[in-house]
């Protein structure tokens, strides 16, 4: 799989209840255009986890992929840090 044009994100796994699917919370910080304050914004992505290796609290890298289901358009590329380490 070629990754040169694929979007990647880092986030934290918040749910792994579904089979081969995890919910990843991605946080981004940006400066508000009018008030010039740093604002935090979070988004949750459903990501495909083929081996069911991810646990809650793991930091993972996800990459965009073709639509796998109604809401799954991302796939877990690697586990950056396991929870509790």
Protein backbone atom coordinates (compact mmCIF):
# COMPACT_ATOMS: atom_id res chain seq x y z
CA UNK A 1 0.00 0.00 0.00
CA UNK A 2 1.44 3.34 -1.03
CA UNK A 3 1.28 6.05 1.64
CA UNK A 4 2.69 9.06 -0.20
CA UNK A 5 -0.70 10.73 -0.81
CA UNK A 6 -2.59 9.32 2.17
CA UNK A 7 -3.58 11.47 5.14
CA UNK A 8 -2.35 10.23 8.53
CA UNK A 9 -3.41 11.21 12.02
CA UNK A 10 -2.26 10.36 15.55
CA UNK A 11 -4.87 9.75 18.22
CA UNK A 12 -5.94 7.83 21.31
CA UNK A 13 -8.17 4.74 21.23
CA UNK A 14 -11.35 5.44 23.23
CA UNK A 15 -13.31 2.27 22.37
CA UNK A 16 -12.49 -1.20 21.09
CA UNK A 17 -15.84 -2.94 21.69
CA UNK A 18 -16.57 -3.74 18.04
CA UNK A 19 -14.84 -6.59 16.21
CA UNK A 20 -11.85 -5.36 14.16
CA UNK A 21 -12.87 -1.74 14.74
CA UNK A 22 -11.58 0.91 17.13
CA UNK A 23 -12.75 4.46 17.78
CA UNK A 24 -9.83 6.91 17.75
CA UNK A 25 -10.03 10.40 19.25
CA UNK A 26 -7.86 12.90 17.36
CA UNK A 27 -7.15 16.29 18.90
CA UNK A 28 -5.94 19.32 16.97
CA UNK A 29 -4.92 22.74 18.19
CA UNK A 30 -5.23 25.92 16.17
CA UNK A 31 -5.35 29.64 16.72
CA UNK A 32 -8.78 31.26 16.64
CA UNK A 33 -8.91 33.69 13.69
CA UNK A 34 -10.60 36.53 15.61
CA UNK A 35 -9.62 36.07 19.26
CA UNK A 36 -6.08 34.69 18.67
CA UNK A 37 -6.43 32.09 21.39
CA UNK A 38 -5.31 28.49 21.08
CA UNK A 39 -8.38 26.30 20.64
CA UNK A 40 -8.57 22.52 21.05
CA UNK A 41 -10.87 20.58 18.76
CA UNK A 42 -11.46 16.85 18.86
CA UNK A 43 -12.82 14.45 16.28
CA UNK A 44 -13.57 10.73 16.54
CA UNK A 45 -12.76 8.35 13.70
CA UNK A 46 -13.75 4.71 13.27
CA UNK A 47 -10.64 2.79 12.21
CA UNK A 48 -10.09 -0.78 11.02
CA UNK A 49 -7.91 -2.92 13.33
CA UNK A 50 -7.38 -6.23 11.55
CA UNK A 51 -5.69 -8.06 14.44
CA UNK A 52 -7.73 -6.59 17.34
CA UNK A 53 -4.41 -5.55 18.90
CA UNK A 54 -5.45 -2.08 20.10
CA UNK A 55 -6.62 -1.45 23.64
CA UNK A 56 -8.27 1.55 25.24
CA UNK A 57 -5.73 4.31 25.88
CA UNK A 58 -3.27 3.23 23.18
CA UNK A 59 -1.77 5.96 21.04
CA UNK A 60 -2.11 4.90 17.39
CA UNK A 61 -1.34 6.22 13.94
CA UNK A 62 -4.24 5.91 11.49
CA UNK A 63 -4.22 6.33 7.72
CA UNK A 64 -7.08 7.05 5.36
CA UNK A 65 -8.25 4.22 3.14
CA UNK A 66 -11.16 3.27 0.89
CA UNK A 67 -14.58 3.07 2.55
CA UNK A 68 -14.75 -0.17 4.53
CA UNK A 69 -18.26 0.34 5.94
CA UNK A 70 -20.76 3.15 6.47
CA UNK A 71 -18.50 5.07 8.89
CA UNK A 72 -15.08 3.38 8.55
CA UNK A 73 -12.67 5.20 6.24
CA UNK A 74 -9.47 4.84 8.31
CA UNK A 75 -7.13 1.98 9.16
CA UNK A 76 -4.70 1.53 12.06
CA UNK A 77 -1.19 1.79 10.64
CA UNK A 78 0.76 1.20 13.86
CA UNK A 79 0.50 1.35 17.63
CA UNK A 80 2.81 4.18 18.69
CA UNK A 81 2.49 3.59 22.44
CA UNK A 82 0.59 1.00 24.45
CA UNK A 83 -1.56 2.22 27.36
CA UNK A 84 0.23 2.21 30.70
CA UNK A 85 3.77 2.29 29.32
